[in-house]
Amino acid sequence: MSDQISFDTNDFASNPEPRCPCVLLLDVSGSMSGASLNELNAGLAVFKDELAADALAMKRVEVAIVTFGPTKIEMPFTSASTFYPSTLVAQGDTPMGSAIMQALELVKDRKNEYRSNGISYYRPWVFLITDGGPTDAWQAAAAAVREGEASKQFAFFAIGVKGANMDVLKQISSAREPLSLEGLKFRELFSWLSSSLRSVSRSTPGTEVPLESPKGWAAV
């Protein structure tokens, strides 16, 4: 499709649309290896395809990926039109605290870039998926999430895959109850996420958008 106009992530002049940033904070520690990670990768592919089917989302939604086995910026903020998720590989432990701090830092820097370029933006989403508990200090990260949620700096979502330490997730995501993923329904989860981001990107920045219920992928 060479005739498609590409929207470079920093081409704010040619694409002055408001931006809807979302950081995926993905646990790729050793325990995710096998079926969990295969389904997570399949879910990312669904996410990409569903965003690509929406012309407005392609101009407005931006995705970044932070993984933690070791904490790593797998992908800096990229517009939905140039978002090609790489296949994630399982490794390492679960430094969730440092990964959350890294994600919040990314969000802050991106918002500064929007502001300095006169681009309006929606409240960023930080979307954490884990099947374990933090193997590093996470209290400061939990405090940063609480503070950011309270001042509407971002919306933080925590999803626990089977085996996740839900008690710690509740302390990290205290403003929004963490959800448990039913089985390995990553595709359904990412389908919900893309549809939610598409709804947000069609709204006016600053307005609250009611989200669909997470039925179909969240365990009750």
N, C-alpha and C. Protein backbone atom coordinates (compact mmCIF):
# COMPACT_ATOMS: atom_id res chain seq x y z
N MET A 1 0.85 -1.20 0.00
CA MET A 1 0.00 0.00 0.00
C MET A 1 0.89 1.25 0.00
N SER A 2 1.61 1.42 -1.05
CA SER A 2 2.54 2.54 -1.07
C SER A 2 1.85 3.89 -1.18
N ASP A 3 0.56 3.88 -1.61
CA ASP A 3 -0.12 5.16 -1.77
C ASP A 3 -0.69 5.70 -0.46
N GLN A 4 -0.50 4.95 0.63
CA GLN A 4 -1.00 5.45 1.92
C GLN A 4 -0.12 6.58 2.43
N ILE A 5 -0.77 7.57 3.00
CA ILE A 5 0.01 8.66 3.60
C ILE A 5 0.53 8.16 4.94
N SER A 6 1.81 8.27 5.16
CA SER A 6 2.30 7.79 6.45
C SER A 6 2.33 8.97 7.42
N PHE A 7 1.95 8.69 8.65
CA PHE A 7 1.97 9.73 9.68
C PHE A 7 3.15 9.45 10.59
N ASP A 8 4.20 10.14 10.38
CA ASP A 8 5.37 9.94 11.21
C ASP A 8 5.02 10.38 12.62
N THR A 9 5.59 9.69 13.60
CA THR A 9 5.19 9.95 14.98
C THR A 9 5.45 11.39 15.43
N ASN A 10 6.49 12.04 14.89
CA ASN A 10 6.73 13.42 15.31
C ASN A 10 6.38 14.43 14.24
N ASP A 11 5.62 13.99 13.24
CA ASP A 11 5.26 14.91 12.18
C ASP A 11 4.03 15.70 12.60
N PHE A 12 4.21 16.51 13.63
CA PHE A 12 3.06 17.23 14.18
C PHE A 12 2.52 18.27 13.19
N ALA A 13 3.39 18.78 12.31
CA ALA A 13 2.94 19.81 11.37
C ALA A 13 1.95 19.23 10.36
N SER A 14 2.24 18.03 9.83
CA SER A 14 1.35 17.46 8.82
C SER A 14 0.17 16.72 9.44
N ASN A 15 0.29 16.37 10.71
CA ASN A 15 -0.83 15.70 11.40
C ASN A 15 -1.07 16.37 12.75
N PRO A 16 -1.79 17.51 12.73
CA PRO A 16 -2.01 18.25 13.99
C PRO A 16 -3.16 17.70 14.82
N GLU A 17 -3.63 16.49 14.50
CA GLU A 17 -4.73 15.88 15.27
C GLU A 17 -4.34 15.72 16.74
N PRO A 18 -5.33 15.81 17.65
CA PRO A 18 -4.99 15.51 19.06
C PRO A 18 -4.54 14.06 19.20
N ARG A 19 -3.65 13.81 20.15
CA ARG A 19 -3.08 12.48 20.32
C ARG A 19 -3.65 11.76 21.54
N CYS A 20 -3.78 10.45 21.36
CA CYS A 20 -4.32 9.60 22.41
C CYS A 20 -3.24 8.56 22.74
N PRO A 21 -2.35 8.85 23.72
CA PRO A 21 -1.21 7.97 23.99
C PRO A 21 -1.55 6.83 24.94
N CYS A 22 -1.01 5.65 24.62
CA CYS A 22 -1.23 4.47 25.45
C CYS A 22 0.09 3.72 25.62
N VAL A 23 0.51 3.51 26.87
CA VAL A 23 1.70 2.69 27.12
C VAL A 23 1.26 1.30 27.54
N LEU A 24 1.75 0.30 26.84
CA LEU A 24 1.52 -1.09 27.24
C LEU A 24 2.71 -1.50 28.10
N LEU A 25 2.41 -1.90 29.33
CA LEU A 25 3.45 -2.25 30.29
C LEU A 25 3.37 -3.76 30.47
N LEU A 26 4.22 -4.50 29.75
CA LEU A 26 4.03 -5.94 29.59
C LEU A 26 5.07 -6.76 30.33
N ASP A 27 4.59 -7.71 31.11
CA ASP A 27 5.44 -8.63 31.86
C ASP A 27 5.93 -9.72 30.89
N VAL A 28 7.24 -9.78 30.67
CA VAL A 28 7.78 -10.85 29.82
C VAL A 28 8.74 -11.73 30.64
N SER A 29 8.52 -11.76 31.96
CA SER A 29 9.40 -12.56 32.82
C SER A 29 9.27 -14.05 32.46
N GLY A 30 10.21 -14.85 32.95
CA GLY A 30 10.27 -16.27 32.61
C GLY A 30 8.94 -17.01 32.74
N SER A 31 8.14 -16.63 33.75
CA SER A 31 6.89 -17.36 33.99
C SER A 31 5.86 -17.14 32.88
N MET A 32 6.08 -16.13 32.05
CA MET A 32 5.14 -15.87 30.95
C MET A 32 5.45 -16.73 29.73
N SER A 33 6.56 -17.48 29.76
CA SER A 33 6.98 -18.21 28.55
C SER A 33 5.94 -19.27 28.18
N GLY A 34 5.94 -19.63 26.91
CA GLY A 34 5.01 -20.65 26.44
C GLY A 34 3.69 -20.04 26.00
N ALA A 35 2.58 -20.69 26.41
CA ALA A 35 1.26 -20.30 25.93
C ALA A 35 0.91 -18.85 26.26
N SER A 36 1.26 -18.39 27.48
CA SER A 36 0.90 -17.01 27.86
C SER A 36 1.50 -16.00 26.90
N LEU A 37 2.79 -16.15 26.63
CA LEU A 37 3.45 -15.17 25.77
C LEU A 37 3.00 -15.31 24.31
N ASN A 38 2.74 -16.54 23.87
CA ASN A 38 2.23 -16.73 22.51
C ASN A 38 0.91 -16.00 22.33
N GLU A 39 0.03 -16.13 23.34
CA GLU A 39 -1.28 -15.48 23.25
C GLU A 39 -1.15 -13.97 23.40
N LEU A 40 -0.21 -13.52 24.23
CA LEU A 40 0.03 -12.08 24.35
C LEU A 40 0.48 -11.51 23.00
N ASN A 41 1.40 -12.19 22.34
CA ASN A 41 1.85 -11.74 21.02
C ASN A 41 0.70 -11.73 20.01
N ALA A 42 -0.15 -12.76 20.08
CA ALA A 42 -1.31 -12.81 19.18
C ALA A 42 -2.26 -11.65 19.48
N GLY A 43 -2.39 -11.33 20.77
CA GLY A 43 -3.24 -10.21 21.17
C GLY A 43 -2.72 -8.88 20.63
N LEU A 44 -1.41 -8.70 20.66
CA LEU A 44 -0.81 -7.46 20.12
C LEU A 44 -1.09 -7.33 18.62
N ALA A 45 -1.07 -8.45 17.92
CA ALA A 45 -1.36 -8.42 16.48
C ALA A 45 -2.80 -7.99 16.23
N VAL A 46 -3.73 -8.50 17.06
CA VAL A 46 -5.14 -8.10 16.96
C VAL A 46 -5.27 -6.59 17.21
N PHE A 47 -4.58 -6.12 18.24
CA PHE A 47 -4.59 -4.71 18.62
C PHE A 47 -4.16 -3.84 17.45
N LYS A 48 -3.06 -4.21 16.82
CA LYS A 48 -2.54 -3.47 15.68
C LYS A 48 -3.57 -3.45 14.54
N ASP A 49 -4.12 -4.63 14.20
CA ASP A 49 -5.05 -4.72 13.07
C ASP A 49 -6.33 -3.92 13.32
N GLU A 50 -6.83 -3.97 14.55
CA GLU A 50 -8.08 -3.27 14.82
C GLU A 50 -7.89 -1.75 14.84
N LEU A 51 -6.75 -1.30 15.33
CA LEU A 51 -6.48 0.14 15.26
C LEU A 51 -6.35 0.57 13.79
N ALA A 52 -5.70 -0.29 12.99
CA ALA A 52 -5.45 0.04 11.59
C ALA A 52 -6.75 0.14 10.79
N ALA A 53 -7.81 -0.47 11.30
CA ALA A 53 -9.09 -0.44 10.58
C ALA A 53 -9.85 0.86 10.83
N ASP A 54 -9.30 1.74 11.65
CA ASP A 54 -9.99 2.97 12.02
C ASP A 54 -9.14 4.17 11.60
N ALA A 55 -9.61 4.88 10.56
CA ALA A 55 -8.80 5.96 9.98
C ALA A 55 -8.47 7.05 10.99
N LEU A 56 -9.41 7.37 11.87
CA LEU A 56 -9.15 8.44 12.84
C LEU A 56 -8.17 7.97 13.91
N ALA A 57 -8.36 6.74 14.38
CA ALA A 57 -7.43 6.19 15.38
C ALA A 57 -6.01 6.15 14.83
N MET A 58 -5.88 5.88 13.52
CA MET A 58 -4.55 5.82 12.91
C MET A 58 -3.82 7.15 13.04
N LYS A 59 -4.58 8.24 13.06
CA LYS A 59 -3.94 9.55 13.16
C LYS A 59 -3.78 10.00 14.61
N ARG A 60 -4.59 9.44 15.50
CA ARG A 60 -4.62 9.98 16.87
C ARG A 60 -3.99 9.09 17.93
N VAL A 61 -4.16 7.79 17.81
CA VAL A 61 -3.64 6.88 18.85
C VAL A 61 -2.14 6.69 18.68
N GLU A 62 -1.42 6.77 19.79
CA GLU A 62 0.01 6.47 19.80
C GLU A 62 0.25 5.38 20.84
N VAL A 63 1.11 4.43 20.49
CA VAL A 63 1.36 3.29 21.38
C VAL A 63 2.84 3.23 21.72
N ALA A 64 3.15 2.98 22.99
CA ALA A 64 4.53 2.70 23.40
C ALA A 64 4.48 1.37 24.16
N ILE A 65 5.57 0.62 24.11
CA ILE A 65 5.61 -0.65 24.85
C ILE A 65 6.83 -0.66 25.77
N VAL A 66 6.58 -0.89 27.06
CA VAL A 66 7.66 -1.10 28.03
C VAL A 66 7.52 -2.53 28.51
N THR A 67 8.58 -3.34 28.37
CA THR A 67 8.52 -4.72 28.86
C THR A 67 9.36 -4.83 30.13
N PHE A 68 9.00 -5.81 30.93
CA PHE A 68 9.87 -6.06 32.08
C PHE A 68 10.09 -7.55 32.25
N GLY A 69 11.35 -7.93 32.05
CA GLY A 69 12.04 -9.14 32.41
C GLY A 69 13.20 -8.39 33.08
N PRO A 70 14.09 -7.81 32.24
CA PRO A 70 14.68 -6.54 32.66
C PRO A 70 13.78 -5.44 32.09
N THR A 71 13.68 -4.29 32.77
CA THR A 71 12.86 -3.18 32.26
C THR A 71 13.48 -2.63 30.98
N LYS A 72 12.65 -2.52 29.95
CA LYS A 72 13.18 -2.09 28.65
C LYS A 72 12.10 -1.35 27.86
N ILE A 73 12.48 -0.23 27.24
CA ILE A 73 11.54 0.42 26.33
C ILE A 73 11.60 -0.36 25.02
N GLU A 74 10.63 -1.22 24.86
CA GLU A 74 10.58 -2.09 23.68
C GLU A 74 10.27 -1.26 22.44
N MET A 75 9.42 -0.23 22.65
CA MET A 75 9.03 0.63 21.54
C MET A 75 8.65 1.99 22.08
N PRO A 76 9.35 3.07 21.66
CA PRO A 76 8.93 4.40 22.11
C PRO A 76 7.60 4.76 21.46
N PHE A 77 7.00 5.89 21.84
CA PHE A 77 5.70 6.24 21.28
C PHE A 77 5.73 6.26 19.75
N THR A 78 4.79 5.53 19.17
CA THR A 78 4.72 5.36 17.73
C THR A 78 3.26 5.55 17.32
N SER A 79 3.01 6.23 16.23
CA SER A 79 1.62 6.41 15.82
C SER A 79 1.05 5.05 15.40
N ALA A 80 -0.26 4.91 15.54
CA ALA A 80 -0.89 3.62 15.23
C ALA A 80 -0.57 3.19 13.80
N SER A 81 -0.34 4.16 12.91
CA SER A 81 -0.09 3.81 11.50
C SER A 81 1.28 3.17 11.29
N THR A 82 2.20 3.40 12.23
CA THR A 82 3.54 2.82 12.08
C THR A 82 3.86 1.84 13.22
N PHE A 83 2.79 1.35 13.86
CA PHE A 83 2.95 0.45 15.00
C PHE A 83 3.02 -1.00 14.51
N TYR A 84 4.22 -1.57 14.59
CA TYR A 84 4.39 -2.98 14.25
C TYR A 84 5.01 -3.67 15.46
N PRO A 85 4.18 -4.33 16.28
CA PRO A 85 4.74 -4.93 17.50
C PRO A 85 5.73 -6.04 17.17
N SER A 86 6.88 -6.01 17.85
CA SER A 86 7.84 -7.10 17.64
C SER A 86 7.40 -8.29 18.50
N THR A 87 7.86 -9.47 18.16
CA THR A 87 7.49 -10.68 18.93
C THR A 87 8.25 -10.65 20.25
N LEU A 88 7.51 -10.69 21.34
CA LEU A 88 8.14 -10.61 22.66
C LEU A 88 8.66 -11.98 23.08
N VAL A 89 9.79 -11.98 23.77
CA VAL A 89 10.42 -13.22 24.22
C VAL A 89 10.52 -13.19 25.75
N ALA A 90 10.24 -14.32 26.39
CA ALA A 90 10.27 -14.36 27.86
C ALA A 90 11.69 -14.38 28.40
N GLN A 91 11.91 -13.62 29.47
CA GLN A 91 13.25 -13.58 30.08
C GLN A 91 13.17 -12.90 31.45
N GLY A 92 14.04 -13.32 32.35
CA GLY A 92 14.26 -12.54 33.58
C GLY A 92 13.16 -12.61 34.63
N ASP A 93 13.29 -11.70 35.60
CA ASP A 93 12.34 -11.66 36.72
C ASP A 93 11.26 -10.59 36.48
N THR A 94 10.72 -10.02 37.55
CA THR A 94 9.56 -9.13 37.41
C THR A 94 9.78 -7.77 38.08
N PRO A 95 10.67 -6.93 37.52
CA PRO A 95 10.92 -5.62 38.15
C PRO A 95 9.80 -4.62 37.83
N MET A 96 8.63 -4.91 38.36
CA MET A 96 7.43 -4.13 38.04
C MET A 96 7.54 -2.67 38.48
N GLY A 97 8.16 -2.46 39.65
CA GLY A 97 8.28 -1.09 40.16
C GLY A 97 9.04 -0.20 39.19
N SER A 98 10.21 -0.66 38.75
CA SER A 98 11.02 0.17 37.86
C SER A 98 10.34 0.32 36.50
N ALA A 99 9.61 -0.73 36.06
CA ALA A 99 8.91 -0.65 34.77
C ALA A 99 7.80 0.40 34.80
N ILE A 100 7.07 0.44 35.92
CA ILE A 100 6.00 1.44 36.05
C ILE A 100 6.61 2.85 36.02
N MET A 101 7.70 3.05 36.75
CA MET A 101 8.35 4.37 36.76
C MET A 101 8.80 4.77 35.36
N GLN A 102 9.33 3.79 34.62
CA GLN A 102 9.78 4.05 33.25
C GLN A 102 8.58 4.46 32.36
N ALA A 103 7.46 3.77 32.52
CA ALA A 103 6.26 4.08 31.72
C ALA A 103 5.74 5.48 32.04
N LEU A 104 5.73 5.83 33.33
CA LEU A 104 5.22 7.16 33.71
C LEU A 104 6.13 8.26 33.19
N GLU A 105 7.42 7.98 33.17
CA GLU A 105 8.42 8.92 32.63
C GLU A 105 8.17 9.14 31.13
N LEU A 106 7.92 8.04 30.41
CA LEU A 106 7.62 8.12 28.97
C LEU A 106 6.42 9.02 28.72
N VAL A 107 5.37 8.81 29.53
CA VAL A 107 4.14 9.59 29.39
C VAL A 107 4.42 11.07 29.62
N LYS A 108 5.17 11.36 30.67
CA LYS A 108 5.48 12.76 31.00
C LYS A 108 6.25 13.43 29.85
N ASP A 109 7.26 12.74 29.35
CA ASP A 109 8.07 13.30 28.25
C ASP A 109 7.22 13.52 27.01
N ARG A 110 6.34 12.55 26.72
CA ARG A 110 5.52 12.68 25.51
C ARG A 110 4.57 13.86 25.64
N LYS A 111 3.99 14.05 26.83
CA LYS A 111 3.07 15.18 27.01
C LYS A 111 3.82 16.50 26.81
N ASN A 112 5.07 16.55 27.28
CA ASN A 112 5.87 17.77 27.07
C ASN A 112 6.08 18.03 25.58
N GLU A 113 6.32 16.96 24.80
CA GLU A 113 6.49 17.11 23.35
C GLU A 113 5.20 17.62 22.71
N TYR A 114 4.06 17.08 23.13
CA TYR A 114 2.79 17.58 22.58
C TYR A 114 2.65 19.07 22.87
N ARG A 115 2.89 19.43 24.14
CA ARG A 115 2.69 20.82 24.53
C ARG A 115 3.61 21.76 23.76
N SER A 116 4.89 21.35 23.61
CA SER A 116 5.81 22.26 22.93
C SER A 116 5.50 22.36 21.43
N ASN A 117 4.69 21.41 20.91
CA ASN A 117 4.31 21.48 19.50
C ASN A 117 2.86 21.94 19.30
N GLY A 118 2.24 22.36 20.40
CA GLY A 118 0.87 22.86 20.31
C GLY A 118 -0.15 21.79 19.94
N ILE A 119 0.13 20.54 20.34
CA ILE A 119 -0.78 19.42 20.03
C ILE A 119 -1.61 19.11 21.27
N SER A 120 -2.94 19.07 21.10
CA SER A 120 -3.75 18.71 22.27
C SER A 120 -3.74 17.19 22.41
N TYR A 121 -4.10 16.71 23.59
CA TYR A 121 -4.01 15.27 23.80
C TYR A 121 -5.07 14.80 24.80
N TYR A 122 -5.38 13.53 24.71
CA TYR A 122 -6.28 12.87 25.64
C TYR A 122 -5.47 12.38 26.84
N ARG A 123 -6.20 12.10 27.93
CA ARG A 123 -5.48 11.58 29.08
C ARG A 123 -4.81 10.26 28.71
N PRO A 124 -3.49 10.16 28.91
CA PRO A 124 -2.79 8.92 28.52
C PRO A 124 -3.27 7.71 29.31
N TRP A 125 -3.18 6.56 28.68
CA TRP A 125 -3.48 5.30 29.34
C TRP A 125 -2.19 4.54 29.59
N VAL A 126 -2.10 3.96 30.79
CA VAL A 126 -0.98 3.06 31.09
C VAL A 126 -1.63 1.72 31.42
N PHE A 127 -1.26 0.70 30.65
CA PHE A 127 -1.96 -0.57 30.69
C PHE A 127 -0.99 -1.68 31.08
N LEU A 128 -1.09 -2.11 32.35
CA LEU A 128 -0.14 -3.10 32.90
C LEU A 128 -0.72 -4.52 32.81
N ILE A 129 0.07 -5.45 32.28
CA ILE A 129 -0.34 -6.86 32.24
C ILE A 129 0.78 -7.69 32.88
N THR A 130 0.43 -8.47 33.90
CA THR A 130 1.46 -9.26 34.60
C THR A 130 0.88 -10.59 35.08
N ASP A 131 1.76 -11.58 35.21
CA ASP A 131 1.30 -12.87 35.76
C ASP A 131 2.00 -13.16 37.08
N GLY A 132 2.62 -12.15 37.66
CA GLY A 132 3.37 -12.39 38.89
C GLY A 132 3.22 -11.27 39.90
N GLY A 133 4.26 -11.11 40.69
CA GLY A 133 4.33 -10.02 41.65
C GLY A 133 5.68 -9.35 41.46
N PRO A 134 5.83 -8.09 41.87
CA PRO A 134 7.09 -7.39 41.66
C PRO A 134 8.25 -8.07 42.38
N THR A 135 9.40 -8.13 41.72
CA THR A 135 10.60 -8.65 42.38
C THR A 135 11.53 -7.50 42.77
N ASP A 136 11.01 -6.27 42.65
CA ASP A 136 11.80 -5.11 43.09
C ASP A 136 10.91 -4.25 44.00
N ALA A 137 11.46 -3.13 44.48
CA ALA A 137 10.67 -2.24 45.34
C ALA A 137 9.60 -1.57 44.48
N TRP A 138 8.34 -1.66 44.91
CA TRP A 138 7.25 -1.13 44.09
C TRP A 138 6.45 -0.04 44.80
N GLN A 139 6.79 0.24 46.06
CA GLN A 139 5.99 1.19 46.84
C GLN A 139 6.01 2.60 46.23
N ALA A 140 7.19 3.03 45.75
CA ALA A 140 7.28 4.37 45.16
C ALA A 140 6.47 4.43 43.88
N ALA A 141 6.48 3.33 43.12
CA ALA A 141 5.69 3.28 41.89
C ALA A 141 4.20 3.37 42.22
N ALA A 142 3.78 2.65 43.27
CA ALA A 142 2.37 2.68 43.68
C ALA A 142 1.97 4.10 44.07
N ALA A 143 2.85 4.79 44.79
CA ALA A 143 2.56 6.17 45.20
C ALA A 143 2.46 7.08 43.97
N ALA A 144 3.35 6.87 42.98
CA ALA A 144 3.34 7.68 41.76
C ALA A 144 2.06 7.45 40.96
N VAL A 145 1.59 6.20 40.94
CA VAL A 145 0.34 5.88 40.23
C VAL A 145 -0.84 6.56 40.94
N ARG A 146 -0.88 6.44 42.26
CA ARG A 146 -1.97 7.08 43.04
C ARG A 146 -2.03 8.57 42.78
N GLU A 147 -0.85 9.19 42.85
CA GLU A 147 -0.75 10.64 42.67
C GLU A 147 -1.18 11.05 41.26
N GLY A 148 -0.70 10.29 40.26
CA GLY A 148 -1.01 10.61 38.86
C GLY A 148 -2.48 10.44 38.55
N GLU A 149 -3.09 9.38 39.11
CA GLU A 149 -4.52 9.15 38.91
C GLU A 149 -5.33 10.27 39.57
N ALA A 150 -4.92 10.64 40.79
CA ALA A 150 -5.67 11.66 41.52
C ALA A 150 -5.65 12.99 40.78
N SER A 151 -4.52 13.31 40.14
CA SER A 151 -4.43 14.60 39.43
C SER A 151 -4.74 14.45 37.93
N LYS A 152 -5.33 13.30 37.57
CA LYS A 152 -5.75 13.04 36.19
C LYS A 152 -4.60 13.19 35.17
N GLN A 153 -3.39 12.81 35.60
CA GLN A 153 -2.24 12.85 34.69
C GLN A 153 -2.32 11.72 33.66
N PHE A 154 -2.94 10.62 34.08
CA PHE A 154 -3.07 9.44 33.22
C PHE A 154 -4.12 8.54 33.85
N ALA A 155 -4.55 7.53 33.08
CA ALA A 155 -5.43 6.49 33.61
C ALA A 155 -4.62 5.20 33.66
N PHE A 156 -4.61 4.55 34.81
CA PHE A 156 -3.78 3.36 35.00
C PHE A 156 -4.67 2.13 35.11
N PHE A 157 -4.41 1.13 34.28
CA PHE A 157 -5.17 -0.12 34.31
C PHE A 157 -4.22 -1.27 34.64
N ALA A 158 -4.65 -2.18 35.51
CA ALA A 158 -3.81 -3.35 35.83
C ALA A 158 -4.60 -4.61 35.56
N ILE A 159 -3.98 -5.50 34.79
CA ILE A 159 -4.61 -6.77 34.44
C ILE A 159 -3.72 -7.90 34.96
N GLY A 160 -4.31 -8.78 35.76
CA GLY A 160 -3.55 -9.91 36.30
C GLY A 160 -3.85 -11.18 35.53
N VAL A 161 -2.79 -11.79 34.99
CA VAL A 161 -2.92 -13.09 34.34
C VAL A 161 -2.83 -14.12 35.46
N LYS A 162 -3.33 -15.33 35.24
CA LYS A 162 -3.30 -16.38 36.26
C LYS A 162 -1.92 -16.44 36.94
N GLY A 163 -1.90 -16.38 38.27
CA GLY A 163 -0.63 -16.41 39.00
C GLY A 163 -0.22 -15.03 39.50
N ALA A 164 -0.92 -13.99 39.02
CA ALA A 164 -0.54 -12.63 39.42
C ALA A 164 -0.84 -12.39 40.90
N ASN A 165 -0.03 -11.55 41.53
CA ASN A 165 -0.26 -11.19 42.93
C ASN A 165 -1.29 -10.06 42.96
N MET A 166 -2.57 -10.43 43.03
CA MET A 166 -3.64 -9.43 42.94
C MET A 166 -3.63 -8.48 44.14
N ASP A 167 -3.14 -8.94 45.30
CA ASP A 167 -3.11 -8.07 46.48
C ASP A 167 -2.17 -6.89 46.23
N VAL A 168 -1.01 -7.18 45.65
CA VAL A 168 -0.07 -6.09 45.35
C VAL A 168 -0.63 -5.22 44.22
N LEU A 169 -1.24 -5.84 43.21
CA LEU A 169 -1.81 -5.04 42.12
C LEU A 169 -2.87 -4.07 42.64
N LYS A 170 -3.66 -4.52 43.63
CA LYS A 170 -4.68 -3.64 44.22
C LYS A 170 -4.03 -2.43 44.90
N GLN A 171 -2.86 -2.67 45.48
CA GLN A 171 -2.19 -1.55 46.15
C GLN A 171 -1.55 -0.60 45.13
N ILE A 172 -1.11 -1.17 44.00
CA ILE A 172 -0.51 -0.32 42.97
C ILE A 172 -1.61 0.45 42.23
N SER A 173 -2.67 -0.26 41.84
CA SER A 173 -3.76 0.38 41.12
C SER A 173 -4.93 0.54 42.07
N SER A 174 -4.82 1.52 42.97
CA SER A 174 -5.85 1.65 44.01
C SER A 174 -7.05 2.45 43.51
N ALA A 175 -6.86 3.28 42.47
CA ALA A 175 -7.98 4.10 42.00
C ALA A 175 -8.91 3.29 41.10
N ARG A 176 -8.37 2.27 40.46
CA ARG A 176 -9.15 1.47 39.52
C ARG A 176 -8.87 0.01 39.82
N GLU A 177 -9.91 -0.71 40.23
CA GLU A 177 -9.74 -2.11 40.64
C GLU A 177 -9.05 -2.94 39.54
N PRO A 178 -7.96 -3.65 39.86
CA PRO A 178 -7.33 -4.50 38.85
C PRO A 178 -8.29 -5.62 38.43
N LEU A 179 -8.16 -6.05 37.20
CA LEU A 179 -9.01 -7.13 36.70
C LEU A 179 -8.16 -8.37 36.47
N SER A 180 -8.79 -9.54 36.62
CA SER A 180 -8.10 -10.80 36.32
C SER A 180 -8.48 -11.25 34.93
N LEU A 181 -7.48 -11.61 34.16
CA LEU A 181 -7.74 -12.11 32.81
C LEU A 181 -8.31 -13.52 32.91
N GLU A 182 -9.39 -13.76 32.19
CA GLU A 182 -9.96 -15.11 32.16
C GLU A 182 -9.11 -15.96 31.22
N GLY A 183 -8.54 -17.03 31.76
CA GLY A 183 -7.70 -17.91 30.94
C GLY A 183 -6.60 -17.13 30.25
N LEU A 184 -6.49 -17.33 28.93
CA LEU A 184 -5.47 -16.59 28.16
C LEU A 184 -6.15 -15.75 27.10
N LYS A 185 -7.22 -15.03 27.50
CA LYS A 185 -8.02 -14.28 26.51
C LYS A 185 -7.38 -12.94 26.15
N PHE A 186 -6.10 -12.99 25.76
CA PHE A 186 -5.40 -11.76 25.41
C PHE A 186 -6.00 -11.11 24.17
N ARG A 187 -6.45 -11.92 23.21
CA ARG A 187 -7.00 -11.34 21.98
C ARG A 187 -8.25 -10.53 22.28
N GLU A 188 -9.11 -11.12 23.14
CA GLU A 188 -10.34 -10.40 23.52
C GLU A 188 -10.00 -9.14 24.31
N LEU A 189 -9.00 -9.25 25.18
CA LEU A 189 -8.56 -8.09 25.96
C LEU A 189 -8.08 -6.97 25.03
N PHE A 190 -7.23 -7.30 24.05
CA PHE A 190 -6.70 -6.26 23.17
C PHE A 190 -7.75 -5.73 22.21
N SER A 191 -8.73 -6.56 21.90
CA SER A 191 -9.85 -6.11 21.08
C SER A 191 -10.63 -5.04 21.86
N TRP A 192 -10.84 -5.30 23.15
CA TRP A 192 -11.52 -4.33 24.02
C TRP A 192 -10.68 -3.04 24.12
N LEU A 193 -9.38 -3.20 24.27
CA LEU A 193 -8.50 -2.03 24.41
C LEU A 193 -8.53 -1.18 23.15
N SER A 194 -8.46 -1.81 21.98
CA SER A 194 -8.46 -1.02 20.75
C SER A 194 -9.81 -0.33 20.58
N SER A 195 -10.89 -1.04 20.89
CA SER A 195 -12.20 -0.42 20.75
C SER A 195 -12.37 0.74 21.74
N SER A 196 -11.81 0.59 22.96
CA SER A 196 -11.87 1.69 23.93
C SER A 196 -11.07 2.90 23.45
N LEU A 197 -9.87 2.65 22.93
CA LEU A 197 -9.04 3.76 22.45
C LEU A 197 -9.66 4.42 21.22
N ARG A 198 -10.34 3.62 20.39
CA ARG A 198 -11.01 4.21 19.23
C ARG A 198 -12.14 5.12 19.71
N SER A 199 -12.89 4.69 20.73
CA SER A 199 -13.96 5.54 21.28
C SER A 199 -13.39 6.84 21.82
N VAL A 200 -12.29 6.70 22.58
CA VAL A 200 -11.66 7.90 23.15
C VAL A 200 -11.21 8.83 22.03
N SER A 201 -10.59 8.27 20.98
CA SER A 201 -10.02 9.12 19.93
C SER A 201 -11.10 9.83 19.11
N ARG A 202 -12.35 9.35 19.20
CA ARG A 202 -13.44 10.04 18.49
C ARG A 202 -14.06 11.14 19.33
N SER A 203 -13.68 11.21 20.61
CA SER A 203 -14.29 12.20 21.50
C SER A 203 -13.48 13.49 21.50
N THR A 204 -13.93 14.45 22.28
CA THR A 204 -13.19 15.70 22.43
C THR A 204 -12.23 15.53 23.60
N PRO A 205 -10.94 15.90 23.44
CA PRO A 205 -10.02 15.76 24.57
C PRO A 205 -10.58 16.43 25.83
N GLY A 206 -10.44 15.74 26.95
CA GLY A 206 -10.92 16.33 28.21
C GLY A 206 -12.29 15.84 28.62
N THR A 207 -13.04 15.20 27.69
CA THR A 207 -14.34 14.69 28.09
C THR A 207 -14.18 13.24 28.53
N GLU A 208 -15.02 12.82 29.47
CA GLU A 208 -14.95 11.44 29.95
C GLU A 208 -15.71 10.54 28.97
N VAL A 209 -15.11 9.46 28.59
CA VAL A 209 -15.76 8.52 27.67
C VAL A 209 -16.15 7.27 28.43
N PRO A 210 -17.45 6.90 28.42
CA PRO A 210 -17.81 5.66 29.12
C PRO A 210 -17.22 4.47 28.37
N LEU A 211 -16.55 3.57 29.10
CA LEU A 211 -15.90 2.42 28.47
C LEU A 211 -16.84 1.22 28.49
N GLU A 212 -16.71 0.37 27.48
CA GLU A 212 -17.49 -0.87 27.46
C GLU A 212 -17.07 -1.72 28.66
N SER A 213 -17.98 -2.55 29.14
CA SER A 213 -17.59 -3.42 30.25
C SER A 213 -16.62 -4.48 29.72
N PRO A 214 -15.69 -4.91 30.56
CA PRO A 214 -14.65 -5.86 30.10
C PRO A 214 -15.19 -7.29 30.02
N LYS A 215 -16.47 -7.46 29.71
CA LYS A 215 -16.99 -8.82 29.64
C LYS A 215 -16.38 -9.52 28.43
N GLY A 216 -16.23 -10.83 28.54
CA GLY A 216 -15.62 -11.56 27.43
C GLY A 216 -14.14 -11.87 27.66
N TRP A 217 -13.52 -11.14 28.59
CA TRP A 217 -12.12 -11.46 28.87
C TRP A 217 -11.73 -11.34 30.33
N ALA A 218 -12.52 -10.63 31.13
CA ALA A 218 -12.15 -10.49 32.55
C ALA A 218 -12.87 -11.55 33.37
N ALA A 219 -12.14 -12.18 34.26
CA ALA A 219 -12.76 -13.18 35.15
C ALA A 219 -13.51 -12.46 36.24
N VAL A 220 -14.70 -12.93 36.52
CA VAL A 220 -15.52 -12.25 37.54
C VAL A 220 -15.13 -12.78 38.92
